[in-house]
Amino acid sequence: MFGIHSDRGYTEIVRGILIKTLVSGGETLMTEFVMTRGSELPEHKHVHEQTGYLVRGKMKLQISGLSRVIAPGDSWCVPPNALHRAEILEDSVAVEVFSPYREEYARYLNREDVEGAD
């Protein structure tokens, strides 16, 4: 499957935090988060391993009690069932991959995806 770039298809999941699922497979799902300065992702956990990469902006990320200020080019991994949260310090964009496939994020799939290409 291919994900086709589009500025449409984002859904606000928390005030100031938008999500769009870019592409998914049988075992993984890739999302893009667009986050507004001053917004916060509340502390939570899930069974999925989550790896991420900050494309633009700055945020303070806390994973299992450890905090880091994340800048463009930085990456992270949240283990399954680890408590984590984020404070958005600047308007930011992050790309994250979840494994196993995160069923509840399937509804945020970019509907402009195509199955094949010529």
Protein backbone atom coordinates (compact mmCIF):
# COMPACT_ATOMS: atom_id res chain seq x y z
CA MET A 1 0.00 0.00 0.00
CA PHE A 2 1.12 3.55 -0.69
CA GLY A 3 0.20 6.65 1.30
CA ILE A 4 -0.34 9.71 -0.88
CA HIS A 5 0.59 13.09 0.65
CA SER A 6 -2.35 15.34 1.45
CA ASP A 7 -2.91 18.28 3.78
CA ARG A 8 -6.44 16.96 4.40
CA GLY A 9 -7.74 14.18 6.63
CA TYR A 10 -6.57 15.27 10.09
CA THR A 11 -8.71 14.69 13.20
CA GLU A 12 -8.29 16.51 16.51
CA ILE A 13 -7.93 13.89 19.26
CA VAL A 14 -6.93 16.24 22.09
CA ARG A 15 -7.21 20.04 22.03
CA GLY A 16 -4.37 21.24 19.81
CA ILE A 17 -3.26 17.75 18.69
CA LEU A 18 -4.26 16.43 15.27
CA ILE A 19 -3.71 12.91 13.97
CA LYS A 20 -3.74 11.29 10.56
CA THR A 21 -2.85 7.67 9.87
CA LEU A 22 -0.52 7.73 6.88
CA VAL A 23 -0.33 4.05 6.02
CA SER A 24 -0.76 0.67 7.66
CA GLY A 25 0.12 -2.95 7.16
CA GLY A 26 -0.70 -6.18 8.90
CA GLU A 27 1.60 -5.56 11.88
CA THR A 28 2.30 -1.80 11.94
CA LEU A 29 0.53 1.51 11.58
CA MET A 30 2.20 4.88 10.84
CA THR A 31 0.70 8.18 11.98
CA GLU A 32 1.46 11.86 11.67
CA PHE A 33 0.74 14.18 14.59
CA VAL A 34 0.43 17.94 14.08
CA MET A 35 0.63 19.65 17.47
CA THR A 36 0.06 23.25 18.53
CA ARG A 37 2.35 25.04 20.99
CA GLY A 38 0.92 24.84 24.51
CA SER A 39 -1.08 21.67 23.94
CA GLU A 40 -0.54 18.57 26.07
CA LEU A 41 -0.92 14.87 25.49
CA PRO A 42 -2.10 13.53 28.85
CA GLU A 43 -0.28 10.67 30.55
CA HIS A 44 -1.46 7.33 29.21
CA LYS A 45 -0.29 3.85 28.25
CA HIS A 46 -1.21 1.18 25.72
CA VAL A 47 -0.10 -2.30 24.70
CA HIS A 48 1.60 -1.00 21.53
CA GLU A 49 5.30 -0.32 21.12
CA GLN A 50 5.56 3.21 19.73
CA THR A 51 8.55 4.66 17.88
CA GLY A 52 8.63 8.28 16.82
CA TYR A 53 10.60 10.95 14.99
CA LEU A 54 10.20 14.72 15.40
CA VAL A 55 10.07 16.38 11.99
CA ARG A 56 9.53 19.96 13.17
CA GLY A 57 9.14 21.88 16.43
CA LYS A 58 10.02 21.07 20.03
CA MET A 59 8.32 19.12 22.80
CA LYS A 60 9.00 17.73 26.23
CA LEU A 61 8.41 14.00 26.22
CA GLN A 62 8.18 11.90 29.36
CA ILE A 63 8.47 8.10 29.15
CA SER A 64 8.36 5.97 32.30
CA GLY A 65 9.28 8.98 34.45
CA LEU A 66 12.26 10.07 32.29
CA SER A 67 11.91 13.48 30.59
CA ARG A 68 13.69 14.87 27.55
CA VAL A 69 13.24 17.95 25.39
CA ILE A 70 12.91 16.59 21.86
CA ALA A 71 14.10 18.67 18.87
CA PRO A 72 13.86 18.08 15.10
CA GLY A 73 15.71 14.92 14.11
CA ASP A 74 15.36 13.32 17.54
CA SER A 75 13.58 9.99 17.92
CA TRP A 76 12.15 7.85 20.73
CA CYS A 77 10.69 4.49 21.59
CA VAL A 78 7.87 3.95 24.08
CA PRO A 79 7.79 0.33 25.29
CA PRO A 80 4.45 -1.49 25.58
CA ASN A 81 2.45 -0.45 28.67
CA ALA A 82 4.87 2.38 29.59
CA LEU A 83 3.30 5.56 30.97
CA HIS A 84 4.10 8.52 28.71
CA ARG A 85 3.01 12.10 28.09
CA ALA A 86 4.04 15.16 26.08
CA GLU A 87 4.07 18.94 26.46
CA ILE A 88 4.25 20.77 23.14
CA LEU A 89 6.77 23.63 23.43
CA GLU A 90 6.57 24.83 19.79
CA ASP A 91 4.23 24.05 16.90
CA SER A 92 5.40 20.55 16.01
CA VAL A 93 5.04 17.63 13.61
CA ALA A 94 5.92 14.05 14.57
CA VAL A 95 5.70 10.74 12.75
CA GLU A 96 5.09 7.63 14.85
CA VAL A 97 4.85 3.91 14.16
CA PHE A 98 2.82 1.55 16.35
CA SER A 99 3.19 -2.21 16.61
CA PRO A 100 1.17 -4.31 16.75
CA TYR A 101 -1.33 -2.67 14.42
CA ARG A 102 -3.36 -0.12 16.40
CA GLU A 103 -6.95 -0.91 15.48
CA GLU A 104 -8.50 2.26 16.96
CA TYR A 105 -6.25 4.45 14.77
CA ALA A 106 -7.47 2.79 11.55
CA ARG A 107 -10.36 5.28 11.43
CA TYR A 108 -7.82 8.10 10.96
CA LEU A 109 -6.44 6.52 7.78
CA ASN A 110 -5.71 8.98 4.99
CA ARG A 111 -8.56 8.09 2.63
CA GLU A 112 -6.52 9.14 -0.39
CA ASP A 113 -4.33 6.04 -0.05
CA VAL A 114 -4.06 3.78 -3.07
CA GLU A 115 -3.48 0.05 -3.26
CA GLY A 116 -1.08 0.11 -6.20
CA ALA A 117 0.65 2.33 -8.70
CA ASP A 118 1.23 2.13 -12.41
